[in-house]
């Protein structure tokens, strides 16, 4: 049986699709990558003007619906928390480092970055947290793959650039002038660092097959983070951040919701476990909603 894998055509997306292919190959399945140009790849307009990161997913989902492919591989943070009923995230691989990194030409950290420096990011979550850390910093949107954005930094279009460490690790990119944010400074987006594998909910054969490569514990954490965003009716254009980490059977949940300008925020930490995680996420989301988080993300 050959499994056709839909993927965006960027270097990072191809890497991630190949990682899934390797897992399937090791279990005796043949695979074929099917690169697809998504709607989000066809324009340089800011994401908030064209519908958000879901545009990177829709073309791959269309290929699933037409049965041109069997599965689609995504950076899970780019997949809307609320999927259409036809689809399911059936598997995730082991999480890469979920943290964010600031790359500057001068090697600045958040302690010494000059006022009025221009930091590029198209993520409202990153923008809001940067402004929360230092309201004297300016931000601007940036589009393109990792290397394109780094070329723009080197071309002096801005002073610094925020990227996911997972992307740098997967592409084997390292920079002397890189500052890794602490979780306290820059909490990641839901499921950042996860490779997610999507298929049709009706395709029981493929779902059973993907169960063989799914990392169950990681799936539980990824689902909890995504459920939190879904309950707040958030999207990848919302300044919502959450991270679930497990240590000695205890699960630490850290969540933060900010206004778009970073001037207001709600922050909470709780401890959970495998048995109560789903209930605790619901309760935590309700606490945030009761404190106005669902309206704060639009301020």
C-alpha atoms as a PDB file:
ATOM      1  CA  UNK A   1       0.000   0.000   0.000  1.00  0.00           C
ATOM      2  CA  UNK A   2       1.356   3.405  -0.998  1.00  0.00           C
ATOM      3  CA  UNK A   3       0.392   6.337   1.217  1.00  0.00           C
ATOM      4  CA  UNK A   4       0.203   9.703  -0.550  1.00  0.00           C
ATOM      5  CA  UNK A   5       1.274  12.567   1.695  1.00  0.00           C
ATOM      6  CA  UNK A   6       0.120  16.133   0.996  1.00  0.00           C
ATOM      7  CA  UNK A   7       2.545  18.865   2.022  1.00  0.00           C
ATOM      8  CA  UNK A   8       3.242  22.501   1.336  1.00  0.00           C
ATOM      9  CA  UNK A   9       6.221  23.021  -0.931  1.00  0.00           C
ATOM     10  CA  UNK A  10       8.513  24.918   1.460  1.00  0.00           C
ATOM     11  CA  UNK A  11      11.770  23.428   2.674  1.00  0.00           C
ATOM     12  CA  UNK A  12      10.443  23.161   6.217  1.00  0.00           C
ATOM     13  CA  UNK A  13       7.171  21.529   5.125  1.00  0.00           C
ATOM     14  CA  UNK A  14       9.021  18.998   2.974  1.00  0.00           C
ATOM     15  CA  UNK A  15      11.284  18.170   5.920  1.00  0.00           C
ATOM     16  CA  UNK A  16       8.270  17.548   8.107  1.00  0.00           C
ATOM     17  CA  UNK A  17       6.531  15.410   5.493  1.00  0.00           C
ATOM     18  CA  UNK A  18       9.697  13.367   5.063  1.00  0.00           C
ATOM     19  CA  UNK A  19       9.824  12.834   8.834  1.00  0.00           C
ATOM     20  CA  UNK A  20       6.352  11.308   8.652  1.00  0.00           C
ATOM     21  CA  UNK A  21       7.319   9.264   5.593  1.00  0.00           C
ATOM     22  CA  UNK A  22      10.291   7.805   7.471  1.00  0.00           C
ATOM     23  CA  UNK A  23       8.030   6.704  10.340  1.00  0.00           C
ATOM     24  CA  UNK A  24       5.682   5.011   7.891  1.00  0.00           C
ATOM     25  CA  UNK A  25       8.510   3.471   5.842  1.00  0.00           C
ATOM     26  CA  UNK A  26       9.965   1.935   8.988  1.00  0.00           C
ATOM     27  CA  UNK A  27       6.657   0.155   9.483  1.00  0.00           C
ATOM     28  CA  UNK A  28       6.661  -1.288   5.974  1.00  0.00           C
ATOM     29  CA  UNK A  29       4.527   1.249   4.111  1.00  0.00           C
ATOM     30  CA  UNK A  30       5.501   2.895   0.820  1.00  0.00           C
ATOM     31  CA  UNK A  31       5.010   6.658   0.665  1.00  0.00           C
ATOM     32  CA  UNK A  32       4.853   9.415  -1.923  1.00  0.00           C
ATOM     33  CA  UNK A  33       5.076  13.128  -1.203  1.00  0.00           C
ATOM     34  CA  UNK A  34       2.588  15.345  -3.053  1.00  0.00           C
ATOM     35  CA  UNK A  35       3.696  19.009  -2.793  1.00  0.00           C
ATOM     36  CA  UNK A  36       0.806  21.479  -3.009  1.00  0.00           C
ATOM     37  CA  UNK A  37       0.895  25.260  -3.291  1.00  0.00           C
ATOM     38  CA  UNK A  38      -1.482  26.599  -0.657  1.00  0.00           C
ATOM     39  CA  UNK A  39      -3.550  29.773  -0.952  1.00  0.00           C
ATOM     40  CA  UNK A  40      -1.384  31.341   1.739  1.00  0.00           C
ATOM     41  CA  UNK A  41       1.730  30.741  -0.373  1.00  0.00           C
ATOM     42  CA  UNK A  42       0.293  32.648  -3.336  1.00  0.00           C
ATOM     43  CA  UNK A  43       0.337  36.092  -1.725  1.00  0.00           C
ATOM     44  CA  UNK A  44       2.544  38.320   0.400  1.00  0.00           C
ATOM     45  CA  UNK A  45      -0.403  40.101   2.026  1.00  0.00           C
ATOM     46  CA  UNK A  46      -0.478  40.125   5.834  1.00  0.00           C
ATOM     47  CA  UNK A  47      -2.215  37.035   7.181  1.00  0.00           C
ATOM     48  CA  UNK A  48      -4.816  39.012   9.139  1.00  0.00           C
ATOM     49  CA  UNK A  49      -6.000  40.565   5.867  1.00  0.00           C
ATOM     50  CA  UNK A  50      -6.441  37.299   3.961  1.00  0.00           C
ATOM     51  CA  UNK A  51      -7.969  34.921   6.479  1.00  0.00           C
ATOM     52  CA  UNK A  52      -5.179  33.694   8.729  1.00  0.00           C
ATOM     53  CA  UNK A  53      -2.950  30.640   8.706  1.00  0.00           C
ATOM     54  CA  UNK A  54      -5.888  28.416   7.790  1.00  0.00           C
ATOM     55  CA  UNK A  55      -5.069  29.367   4.199  1.00  0.00           C
ATOM     56  CA  UNK A  56      -1.972  27.170   4.499  1.00  0.00           C
ATOM     57  CA  UNK A  57      -4.211  24.226   5.331  1.00  0.00           C
ATOM     58  CA  UNK A  58      -7.233  24.554   3.034  1.00  0.00           C
ATOM     59  CA  UNK A  59      -5.552  23.411  -0.190  1.00  0.00           C
ATOM     60  CA  UNK A  60      -4.211  20.297   1.522  1.00  0.00           C
ATOM     61  CA  UNK A  61      -7.653  19.561   2.943  1.00  0.00           C
ATOM     62  CA  UNK A  62      -9.149  19.890  -0.540  1.00  0.00           C
ATOM     63  CA  UNK A  63      -6.707  17.230  -1.724  1.00  0.00           C
ATOM     64  CA  UNK A  64      -7.881  14.988   1.120  1.00  0.00           C
ATOM     65  CA  UNK A  65     -11.533  15.502   0.186  1.00  0.00           C
ATOM     66  CA  UNK A  66     -10.883  14.674  -3.466  1.00  0.00           C
ATOM     67  CA  UNK A  67      -8.881  11.618  -2.336  1.00  0.00           C
ATOM     68  CA  UNK A  68      -5.847  12.744  -4.323  1.00  0.00           C
ATOM     69  CA  UNK A  69      -3.891  12.095  -1.123  1.00  0.00           C
ATOM     70  CA  UNK A  70      -4.347   9.948   1.965  1.00  0.00           C
ATOM     71  CA  UNK A  71      -2.881  12.231   4.642  1.00  0.00           C
ATOM     72  CA  UNK A  72      -1.743  15.836   5.043  1.00  0.00           C
ATOM     73  CA  UNK A  73       1.234  16.920   7.139  1.00  0.00           C
ATOM     74  CA  UNK A  74       1.245  20.299   8.892  1.00  0.00           C
ATOM     75  CA  UNK A  75       3.034  22.400  11.436  1.00  0.00           C
ATOM     76  CA  UNK A  76       0.242  21.801  13.919  1.00  0.00           C
ATOM     77  CA  UNK A  77       0.338  25.390  15.207  1.00  0.00           C
ATOM     78  CA  UNK A  78      -0.851  26.491  11.743  1.00  0.00           C
ATOM     79  CA  UNK A  79      -3.957  24.282  11.844  1.00  0.00           C
ATOM     80  CA  UNK A  80      -7.149  25.958  13.132  1.00  0.00           C
ATOM     81  CA  UNK A  81      -8.166  24.680  16.565  1.00  0.00           C
ATOM     82  CA  UNK A  82     -11.654  23.991  15.234  1.00  0.00           C
ATOM     83  CA  UNK A  83     -11.477  21.582  12.289  1.00  0.00           C
ATOM     84  CA  UNK A  84     -14.291  21.020   9.839  1.00  0.00           C
ATOM     85  CA  UNK A  85     -16.178  17.856  10.765  1.00  0.00           C
ATOM     86  CA  UNK A  86     -14.768  15.924   7.785  1.00  0.00           C
ATOM     87  CA  UNK A  87     -11.215  15.995   9.169  1.00  0.00           C
ATOM     88  CA  UNK A  88      -9.261  14.726  12.146  1.00  0.00           C
ATOM     89  CA  UNK A  89      -5.719  15.171  13.444  1.00  0.00           C
ATOM     90  CA  UNK A  90      -4.993  11.465  13.711  1.00  0.00           C
ATOM     91  CA  UNK A  91      -1.359  11.558  14.843  1.00  0.00           C
ATOM     92  CA  UNK A  92       1.481  13.735  16.042  1.00  0.00           C
ATOM     93  CA  UNK A  93       5.192  13.037  16.226  1.00  0.00           C
ATOM     94  CA  UNK A  94       7.453  13.844  19.177  1.00  0.00           C
ATOM     95  CA  UNK A  95       7.476  17.548  19.867  1.00  0.00           C
ATOM     96  CA  UNK A  96      10.417  19.716  18.881  1.00  0.00           C
ATOM     97  CA  UNK A  97      11.506  22.602  21.100  1.00  0.00           C
ATOM     98  CA  UNK A  98       8.414  24.860  21.333  1.00  0.00           C
ATOM     99  CA  UNK A  99      10.257  28.060  22.226  1.00  0.00           C
ATOM    100  CA  UNK A 100      10.686  31.241  20.165  1.00  0.00           C
ATOM    101  CA  UNK A 101      13.960  32.856  19.139  1.00  0.00           C
ATOM    102  CA  UNK A 102      14.862  36.495  18.471  1.00  0.00           C
ATOM    103  CA  UNK A 103      17.466  36.935  15.738  1.00  0.00           C
ATOM    104  CA  UNK A 104      19.088  40.367  15.471  1.00  0.00           C
ATOM    105  CA  UNK A 105      22.023  41.738  13.566  1.00  0.00           C
ATOM    106  CA  UNK A 106      23.535  43.091  16.791  1.00  0.00           C
ATOM    107  CA  UNK A 107      22.938  40.082  19.057  1.00  0.00           C
ATOM    108  CA  UNK A 108      20.492  41.917  21.316  1.00  0.00           C
ATOM    109  CA  UNK A 109      18.545  40.288  24.126  1.00  0.00           C
ATOM    110  CA  UNK A 110      15.381  41.697  25.670  1.00  0.00           C
ATOM    111  CA  UNK A 111      17.584  43.280  28.331  1.00  0.00           C
ATOM    112  CA  UNK A 112      19.563  45.502  25.975  1.00  0.00           C
ATOM    113  CA  UNK A 113      17.475  45.960  22.845  1.00  0.00           C
ATOM    114  CA  UNK A 114      17.336  49.695  22.054  1.00  0.00           C
ATOM    115  CA  UNK A 115      14.068  51.636  22.173  1.00  0.00           C
ATOM    116  CA  UNK A 116      12.318  52.005  18.792  1.00  0.00           C
ATOM    117  CA  UNK A 117      13.991  48.900  17.391  1.00  0.00           C
ATOM    118  CA  UNK A 118      11.812  47.291  14.725  1.00  0.00           C
ATOM    119  CA  UNK A 119      11.034  43.610  15.290  1.00  0.00           C
ATOM    120  CA  UNK A 120       9.388  41.635  12.499  1.00  0.00           C
ATOM    121  CA  UNK A 121       6.660  39.097  13.206  1.00  0.00           C
ATOM    122  CA  UNK A 122       3.304  38.309  11.648  1.00  0.00           C
ATOM    123  CA  UNK A 123       2.080  36.620  14.825  1.00  0.00           C
ATOM    124  CA  UNK A 124      -0.276  38.671  17.046  1.00  0.00           C
ATOM    125  CA  UNK A 125       0.768  36.394  19.937  1.00  0.00           C
ATOM    126  CA  UNK A 126       4.437  37.297  19.503  1.00  0.00           C
ATOM    127  CA  UNK A 127       3.682  40.969  18.848  1.00  0.00           C
ATOM    128  CA  UNK A 128       1.551  41.296  21.984  1.00  0.00           C
ATOM    129  CA  UNK A 129       4.148  39.614  24.182  1.00  0.00           C
ATOM    130  CA  UNK A 130       6.989  41.713  22.764  1.00  0.00           C
ATOM    131  CA  UNK A 131       5.011  44.891  23.488  1.00  0.00           C
ATOM    132  CA  UNK A 132       4.214  43.574  26.974  1.00  0.00           C
ATOM    133  CA  UNK A 133       7.940  43.127  27.590  1.00  0.00           C
ATOM    134  CA  UNK A 134       8.933  46.492  26.121  1.00  0.00           C
ATOM    135  CA  UNK A 135       6.323  48.977  24.894  1.00  0.00           C
ATOM    136  CA  UNK A 136       9.060  51.082  23.276  1.00  0.00           C
ATOM    137  CA  UNK A 137       9.753  48.438  20.643  1.00  0.00           C
ATOM    138  CA  UNK A 138       8.098  48.689  17.255  1.00  0.00           C
ATOM    139  CA  UNK A 139       6.789  45.680  15.338  1.00  0.00           C
ATOM    140  CA  UNK A 140       6.034  45.069  11.686  1.00  0.00           C
ATOM    141  CA  UNK A 141       4.554  42.127   9.770  1.00  0.00           C
ATOM    142  CA  UNK A 142       6.739  39.860   7.663  1.00  0.00           C
ATOM    143  CA  UNK A 143       5.897  37.015   5.294  1.00  0.00           C
ATOM    144  CA  UNK A 144       7.877  34.289   3.539  1.00  0.00           C
ATOM    145  CA  UNK A 145       9.655  31.110   4.549  1.00  0.00           C
ATOM    146  CA  UNK A 146      12.355  31.100   7.207  1.00  0.00           C
ATOM    147  CA  UNK A 147      15.232  31.797   4.834  1.00  0.00           C
ATOM    148  CA  UNK A 148      13.313  34.538   3.031  1.00  0.00           C
ATOM    149  CA  UNK A 149      12.625  36.281   6.338  1.00  0.00           C
ATOM    150  CA  UNK A 150      16.273  35.988   7.369  1.00  0.00           C
ATOM    151  CA  UNK A 151      17.312  37.482   4.016  1.00  0.00           C
ATOM    152  CA  UNK A 152      14.988  40.426   4.739  1.00  0.00           C
ATOM    153  CA  UNK A 153      16.663  40.867   8.130  1.00  0.00           C
ATOM    154  CA  UNK A 154      20.101  40.838   6.528  1.00  0.00           C
ATOM    155  CA  UNK A 155      18.811  43.318   3.966  1.00  0.00           C
ATOM    156  CA  UNK A 156      18.093  45.793   6.774  1.00  0.00           C
ATOM    157  CA  UNK A 157      14.318  45.825   6.362  1.00  0.00           C
ATOM    158  CA  UNK A 158      14.065  45.603  10.164  1.00  0.00           C
ATOM    159  CA  UNK A 159      16.294  45.162  13.227  1.00  0.00           C
ATOM    160  CA  UNK A 160      15.161  41.782  14.497  1.00  0.00           C
ATOM    161  CA  UNK A 161      13.078  38.767  13.617  1.00  0.00           C
ATOM    162  CA  UNK A 162      11.188  36.261  15.796  1.00  0.00           C
ATOM    163  CA  UNK A 163      11.039  32.655  14.603  1.00  0.00           C
ATOM    164  CA  UNK A 164      10.140  29.282  16.078  1.00  0.00           C
ATOM    165  CA  UNK A 165      13.143  27.375  17.383  1.00  0.00           C
ATOM    166  CA  UNK A 166      11.566  24.174  16.049  1.00  0.00           C
ATOM    167  CA  UNK A 167      11.919  25.501  12.500  1.00  0.00           C
ATOM    168  CA  UNK A 168      15.583  26.418  13.030  1.00  0.00           C
ATOM    169  CA  UNK A 169      16.330  22.994  14.507  1.00  0.00           C
ATOM    170  CA  UNK A 170      14.594  21.110  11.716  1.00  0.00           C
ATOM    171  CA  UNK A 171      16.431  23.084   9.037  1.00  0.00           C
ATOM    172  CA  UNK A 172      19.717  22.848  10.960  1.00  0.00           C
ATOM    173  CA  UNK A 173      20.063  26.627  11.090  1.00  0.00           C
ATOM    174  CA  UNK A 174      22.038  28.332  13.837  1.00  0.00           C
ATOM    175  CA  UNK A 175      22.912  31.974  14.456  1.00  0.00           C
ATOM    176  CA  UNK A 176      25.451  33.615  16.740  1.00  0.00           C
ATOM    177  CA  UNK A 177      23.099  36.541  17.247  1.00  0.00           C
ATOM    178  CA  UNK A 178      20.141  34.489  18.443  1.00  0.00           C
ATOM    179  CA  UNK A 179      18.375  35.044  21.747  1.00  0.00           C
ATOM    180  CA  UNK A 180      16.095  32.279  22.993  1.00  0.00           C
ATOM    181  CA  UNK A 181      13.120  33.610  24.893  1.00  0.00           C
ATOM    182  CA  UNK A 182      12.285  32.077  28.227  1.00  0.00           C
ATOM    183  CA  UNK A 183       8.772  30.711  28.626  1.00  0.00           C
ATOM    184  CA  UNK A 184       8.052  33.575  31.020  1.00  0.00           C
ATOM    185  CA  UNK A 185       8.968  36.090  28.329  1.00  0.00           C
ATOM    186  CA  UNK A 186       7.414  34.453  25.281  1.00  0.00           C
ATOM    187  CA  UNK A 187       4.926  31.655  25.835  1.00  0.00           C
ATOM    188  CA  UNK A 188       4.460  29.609  22.640  1.00  0.00           C
ATOM    189  CA  UNK A 189       1.330  29.159  20.612  1.00  0.00           C
ATOM    190  CA  UNK A 190      -0.828  26.086  21.090  1.00  0.00           C
ATOM    191  CA  UNK A 191       0.912  22.962  19.685  1.00  0.00           C
ATOM    192  CA  UNK A 192       4.008  24.875  18.546  1.00  0.00           C
ATOM    193  CA  UNK A 193       6.736  22.348  17.736  1.00  0.00           C
ATOM    194  CA  UNK A 194       4.354  19.533  16.805  1.00  0.00           C
ATOM    195  CA  UNK A 195       4.092  17.898  13.394  1.00  0.00           C
ATOM    196  CA  UNK A 196       0.408  17.070  12.952  1.00  0.00           C
ATOM    197  CA  UNK A 197      -0.973  14.477  10.553  1.00  0.00           C
ATOM    198  CA  UNK A 198      -4.489  15.061   9.221  1.00  0.00           C
ATOM    199  CA  UNK A 199      -6.825  12.738   7.350  1.00  0.00           C
ATOM    200  CA  UNK A 200     -10.500  12.229   6.615  1.00  0.00           C
ATOM    201  CA  UNK A 201     -12.478  11.271   9.705  1.00  0.00           C
ATOM    202  CA  UNK A 202     -14.222   8.637   7.599  1.00  0.00           C
ATOM    203  CA  UNK A 203     -10.974   6.939   6.540  1.00  0.00           C
ATOM    204  CA  UNK A 204     -10.821   4.352   9.321  1.00  0.00           C
ATOM    205  CA  UNK A 205      -8.095   2.354   7.552  1.00  0.00           C
ATOM    206  CA  UNK A 206      -5.731   5.346   7.471  1.00  0.00           C
ATOM    207  CA  UNK A 207      -6.601   6.341  11.038  1.00  0.00           C
ATOM    208  CA  UNK A 208      -5.717   2.835  12.247  1.00  0.00           C
ATOM    209  CA  UNK A 209      -2.464   3.036  10.310  1.00  0.00           C
ATOM    210  CA  UNK A 210      -1.578   6.441  11.771  1.00  0.00           C
ATOM    211  CA  UNK A 211      -2.183   5.097  15.260  1.00  0.00           C
ATOM    212  CA  UNK A 212       1.007   3.085  14.718  1.00  0.00           C
ATOM    213  CA  UNK A 213       3.143   6.237  14.498  1.00  0.00           C
ATOM    214  CA  UNK A 214       1.179   8.477  16.861  1.00  0.00           C
ATOM    215  CA  UNK A 215       2.921   9.451  20.104  1.00  0.00           C
ATOM    216  CA  UNK A 216      -0.038   9.080  22.447  1.00  0.00           C
ATOM    217  CA  UNK A 217       1.220  11.200  25.348  1.00  0.00           C
ATOM    218  CA  UNK A 218       2.250  14.006  23.017  1.00  0.00           C
ATOM    219  CA  UNK A 219      -1.150  13.860  21.298  1.00  0.00           C
ATOM    220  CA  UNK A 220      -2.846  14.342  24.652  1.00  0.00           C
ATOM    221  CA  UNK A 221      -0.812  17.493  25.358  1.00  0.00           C
ATOM    222  CA  UNK A 222      -1.314  18.862  21.840  1.00  0.00           C
ATOM    223  CA  UNK A 223      -5.062  18.280  22.032  1.00  0.00           C
ATOM    224  CA  UNK A 224      -5.287  20.006  25.417  1.00  0.00           C
ATOM    225  CA  UNK A 225      -3.541  23.116  24.083  1.00  0.00           C
ATOM    226  CA  UNK A 226      -5.753  23.210  20.991  1.00  0.00           C
ATOM    227  CA  UNK A 227      -8.909  22.670  23.055  1.00  0.00           C
ATOM    228  CA  UNK A 228      -8.013  25.694  25.184  1.00  0.00           C
ATOM    229  CA  UNK A 229      -7.795  27.919  22.073  1.00  0.00           C
ATOM    230  CA  UNK A 230     -11.014  26.442  20.685  1.00  0.00           C
ATOM    231  CA  UNK A 231     -12.937  27.169  23.887  1.00  0.00           C
ATOM    232  CA  UNK A 232     -11.827  30.805  23.749  1.00  0.00           C
ATOM    233  CA  UNK A 233     -13.007  30.864  20.117  1.00  0.00           C
ATOM    234  CA  UNK A 234      -9.477  31.856  19.201  1.00  0.00           C
ATOM    235  CA  UNK A 235      -7.472  31.425  16.029  1.00  0.00           C
ATOM    236  CA  UNK A 236      -3.848  31.633  15.037  1.00  0.00           C
ATOM    237  CA  UNK A 237      -4.465  35.385  14.701  1.00  0.00           C
ATOM    238  CA  UNK A 238      -5.402  35.655  18.392  1.00  0.00           C
ATOM    239  CA  UNK A 239      -2.827  36.615  21.064  1.00  0.00           C
ATOM    240  CA  UNK A 240      -3.351  33.346  22.944  1.00  0.00           C
ATOM    241  CA  UNK A 241      -0.417  31.337  24.307  1.00  0.00           C
ATOM    242  CA  UNK A 242      -0.435  28.008  26.116  1.00  0.00           C
ATOM    243  CA  UNK A 243       2.078  25.294  26.941  1.00  0.00           C
ATOM    244  CA  UNK A 244       1.512  21.890  28.545  1.00  0.00           C
ATOM    245  CA  UNK A 245       4.613  20.087  29.769  1.00  0.00           C
ATOM    246  CA  UNK A 246       4.871  16.771  31.581  1.00  0.00           C
ATOM    247  CA  UNK A 247       7.363  15.904  34.286  1.00  0.00           C
ATOM    248  CA  UNK A 248       7.140  12.857  36.559  1.00  0.00           C
ATOM    249  CA  UNK A 249       3.470  12.261  35.688  1.00  0.00           C
ATOM    250  CA  UNK A 250       2.543  15.848  36.522  1.00  0.00           C
ATOM    251  CA  UNK A 251       1.416  18.177  33.757  1.00  0.00           C
ATOM    252  CA  UNK A 252       2.172  21.865  34.120  1.00  0.00           C
ATOM    253  CA  UNK A 253      -0.204  24.101  32.174  1.00  0.00           C
ATOM    254  CA  UNK A 254       0.877  27.686  31.560  1.00  0.00           C
ATOM    255  CA  UNK A 255      -1.533  29.957  29.695  1.00  0.00           C
ATOM    256  CA  UNK A 256      -1.590  33.612  28.741  1.00  0.00           C
ATOM    257  CA  UNK A 257      -4.075  35.782  26.861  1.00  0.00           C
ATOM    258  CA  UNK A 258      -3.242  39.357  25.879  1.00  0.00           C
ATOM    259  CA  UNK A 259      -4.802  42.323  24.170  1.00  0.00           C
ATOM    260  CA  UNK A 260      -3.494  42.970  20.663  1.00  0.00           C
ATOM    261  CA  UNK A 261      -1.359  45.880  21.917  1.00  0.00           C
ATOM    262  CA  UNK A 262       0.070  43.882  24.822  1.00  0.00           C
ATOM    263  CA  UNK A 263      -1.181  46.369  27.428  1.00  0.00           C
ATOM    264  CA  UNK A 264      -3.546  43.915  29.117  1.00  0.00           C
ATOM    265  CA  UNK A 265      -3.072  40.251  29.894  1.00  0.00           C
ATOM    266  CA  UNK A 266      -4.402  37.315  31.866  1.00  0.00           C
ATOM    267  CA  UNK A 267      -1.845  34.749  33.028  1.00  0.00           C
ATOM    268  CA  UNK A 268      -2.330  31.507  34.928  1.00  0.00           C
ATOM    269  CA  UNK A 269      -0.372  28.380  35.857  1.00  0.00           C
ATOM    270  CA  UNK A 270      -1.933  25.153  37.119  1.00  0.00           C
ATOM    271  CA  UNK A 271      -0.815  21.562  37.654  1.00  0.00           C
ATOM    272  CA  UNK A 272      -2.739  18.635  36.217  1.00  0.00           C
ATOM    273  CA  UNK A 273      -2.236  14.964  35.349  1.00  0.00           C
ATOM    274  CA  UNK A 274      -3.235  12.500  32.645  1.00  0.00           C
ATOM    275  CA  UNK A 275      -6.505  11.591  34.302  1.00  0.00           C
ATOM    276  CA  UNK A 276      -7.801  15.128  34.905  1.00  0.00           C
ATOM    277  CA  UNK A 277      -6.201  17.014  31.997  1.00  0.00           C
ATOM    278  CA  UNK A 278      -9.319  17.332  29.844  1.00  0.00           C
ATOM    279  CA  UNK A 279     -11.415  18.560  32.757  1.00  0.00           C
ATOM    280  CA  UNK A 280      -8.696  20.927  33.953  1.00  0.00           C
ATOM    281  CA  UNK A 281      -8.342  22.488  30.492  1.00  0.00           C
ATOM    282  CA  UNK A 282     -12.093  23.124  30.365  1.00  0.00           C
ATOM    283  CA  UNK A 283     -12.042  24.683  33.827  1.00  0.00           C
ATOM    284  CA  UNK A 284      -9.001  26.795  32.977  1.00  0.00           C
ATOM    285  CA  UNK A 285     -10.566  28.072  29.767  1.00  0.00           C
ATOM    286  CA  UNK A 286     -13.745  28.937  31.674  1.00  0.00           C
ATOM    287  CA  UNK A 287     -11.683  30.901  34.212  1.00  0.00           C
ATOM    288  CA  UNK A 288     -10.129  32.896  31.377  1.00  0.00           C
ATOM    289  CA  UNK A 289     -13.542  33.508  29.797  1.00  0.00           C
ATOM    290  CA  UNK A 290     -14.992  34.634  33.120  1.00  0.00           C
ATOM    291  CA  UNK A 291     -12.182  37.190  33.319  1.00  0.00           C
ATOM    292  CA  UNK A 292     -12.941  38.466  29.820  1.00  0.00           C
ATOM    293  CA  UNK A 293     -10.285  36.665  27.773  1.00  0.00           C
ATOM    294  CA  UNK A 294     -12.599  35.972  24.845  1.00  0.00           C
ATOM    295  CA  UNK A 295     -13.123  39.716  24.373  1.00  0.00           C
ATOM    296  CA  UNK A 296      -9.587  40.748  25.375  1.00  0.00           C
ATOM    297  CA  UNK A 297      -8.067  39.008  22.330  1.00  0.00           C
ATOM    298  CA  UNK A 298      -9.943  41.426  20.068  1.00  0.00           C
ATOM    299  CA  UNK A 299      -8.934  44.627  21.892  1.00  0.00           C
END
